[in-house]
Amino acid sequence: MSFAVTVADADLEPDEVDPDSVLDGDPQTASLVLHADEKVERGIWEITPGTYTDVEADEIFVVLSGRATVKIEGEEAMEIGPGDVGVFDKGAETTWVVHETLRKVYQITL
């Protein structure tokens, strides 16, 4: 099934945030899965300001709005903002310091 979505206007569903993953502030996440099967998941994800830890999937993403510093265990931090494309290796341990609510589109390989 083919379709198009205006990402900036898409209604996302709030996700449950693990309180143990929050290091500062009150970051909240929301998402909308556009497609998922046994091989891949594609969607839209958003996070509000704060500091949050995560373990990443095998992912490619494009930031549409907002800004964050993503610190990756054992690697240099990434400064990401509108128009940036990023790649995470599966299992990468990250700390997201979100400066402005960030919205991205993503594809995760399962």
Protein backbone atom coordinates (compact mmCIF):
# COMPACT_ATOMS: atom_id res chain seq x y z
CA MET A 1 0.00 0.00 0.00
CA SER A 2 1.41 3.37 -1.05
CA PHE A 3 0.50 6.63 0.70
CA ALA A 4 1.87 10.00 1.80
CA VAL A 5 1.74 11.71 5.18
CA THR A 6 2.41 15.33 6.11
CA VAL A 7 4.92 14.59 8.85
CA ALA A 8 4.72 17.95 10.61
CA ASP A 9 0.94 17.54 11.05
CA ALA A 10 0.83 13.80 11.82
CA ASP A 11 -0.90 12.90 15.09
CA LEU A 12 1.46 10.78 17.17
CA GLU A 13 0.46 8.49 20.03
CA PRO A 14 2.25 9.02 23.37
CA ASP A 15 4.72 6.27 24.30
CA GLU A 16 5.38 5.11 27.84
CA VAL A 17 8.73 6.48 29.02
CA ASP A 18 10.70 4.32 31.45
CA PRO A 19 11.40 6.65 34.42
CA ASP A 20 14.79 4.96 34.87
CA SER A 21 15.81 6.22 31.42
CA VAL A 22 15.22 9.90 32.31
CA LEU A 23 18.33 11.71 33.54
CA ASP A 24 17.06 15.30 33.49
CA GLY A 25 13.80 17.13 32.87
CA ASP A 26 10.64 15.41 31.73
CA PRO A 27 11.24 14.11 28.19
CA GLN A 28 8.16 12.58 26.61
CA THR A 29 8.10 10.49 23.44
CA ALA A 30 5.38 9.84 20.90
CA SER A 31 5.30 7.87 17.68
CA LEU A 32 3.30 6.72 14.71
CA VAL A 33 4.19 3.45 12.95
CA LEU A 34 3.54 3.86 9.24
CA HIS A 35 4.52 0.32 8.23
CA ALA A 36 5.78 -2.78 10.02
CA ASP A 37 6.40 -6.35 9.00
CA GLU A 38 8.82 -9.09 10.07
CA LYS A 39 11.80 -7.29 8.47
CA VAL A 40 11.33 -3.56 8.94
CA GLU A 41 9.47 -0.83 10.80
CA ARG A 42 9.00 2.69 9.41
CA GLY A 43 7.50 5.60 11.24
CA ILE A 44 7.60 9.01 12.85
CA TRP A 45 9.04 9.60 16.35
CA GLU A 46 9.20 12.67 18.56
CA ILE A 47 10.86 13.55 21.87
CA THR A 48 10.42 16.68 24.00
CA PRO A 49 13.29 18.49 25.80
CA GLY A 50 15.18 16.70 28.54
CA THR A 51 17.89 14.06 28.87
CA TYR A 52 17.05 10.43 28.14
CA THR A 53 19.00 7.19 27.71
CA ASP A 54 18.23 4.48 25.18
CA VAL A 55 19.57 1.34 23.52
CA GLU A 56 19.19 1.77 19.78
CA ALA A 57 17.95 -0.50 17.03
CA ASP A 58 19.57 -0.86 13.58
CA GLU A 59 18.16 2.44 12.33
CA ILE A 60 18.40 5.18 9.74
CA PHE A 61 16.56 8.44 10.39
CA VAL A 62 16.02 11.96 9.09
CA VAL A 63 15.44 14.82 11.53
CA LEU A 64 12.61 17.11 10.42
CA SER A 65 12.48 19.57 13.30
CA GLY A 66 14.14 20.24 16.64
CA ARG A 67 17.67 19.80 17.91
CA ALA A 68 19.51 17.34 20.12
CA THR A 69 22.96 16.18 21.11
CA VAL A 70 23.17 12.38 21.00
CA LYS A 71 26.05 10.94 23.00
CA ILE A 72 26.95 7.42 21.89
CA GLU A 73 28.92 5.14 24.21
CA GLY A 74 32.47 4.84 22.86
CA GLU A 75 31.91 7.32 20.00
CA GLU A 76 31.80 11.07 19.44
CA ALA A 77 28.53 12.87 20.15
CA MET A 78 26.28 13.82 17.25
CA GLU A 79 24.67 17.25 17.00
CA ILE A 80 21.46 16.67 15.03
CA GLY A 81 18.87 19.03 13.67
CA PRO A 82 16.56 19.62 10.70
CA GLY A 83 17.73 17.93 7.52
CA ASP A 84 20.30 15.68 9.23
CA VAL A 85 20.42 11.98 8.41
CA GLY A 86 21.70 9.64 11.11
CA VAL A 87 22.46 5.95 11.48
CA PHE A 88 22.53 3.91 14.68
CA ASP A 89 24.04 0.46 15.07
CA LYS A 90 21.86 -2.06 16.85
CA GLY A 91 22.71 -2.08 20.56
CA ALA A 92 24.31 1.38 20.62
CA GLU A 93 23.90 2.90 24.08
CA THR A 94 22.87 6.52 23.70
CA THR A 95 22.10 9.55 25.82
CA TRP A 96 19.80 12.08 24.16
CA VAL A 97 20.13 15.69 25.34
CA VAL A 98 17.11 17.22 23.62
CA HIS A 99 17.35 21.02 23.29
CA GLU A 100 14.15 21.55 21.22
CA THR A 101 11.33 19.06 20.61
CA LEU A 102 12.73 16.77 17.93
CA ARG A 103 10.68 14.96 15.29
CA LYS A 104 12.20 12.40 12.93
CA VAL A 105 11.17 9.81 10.40
CA TYR A 106 12.89 6.48 10.79
CA GLN A 107 13.38 3.02 9.39
CA ILE A 108 14.43 0.19 11.72
CA THR A 109 15.67 -3.13 10.43
CA LEU A 110 14.30 -5.92 12.64
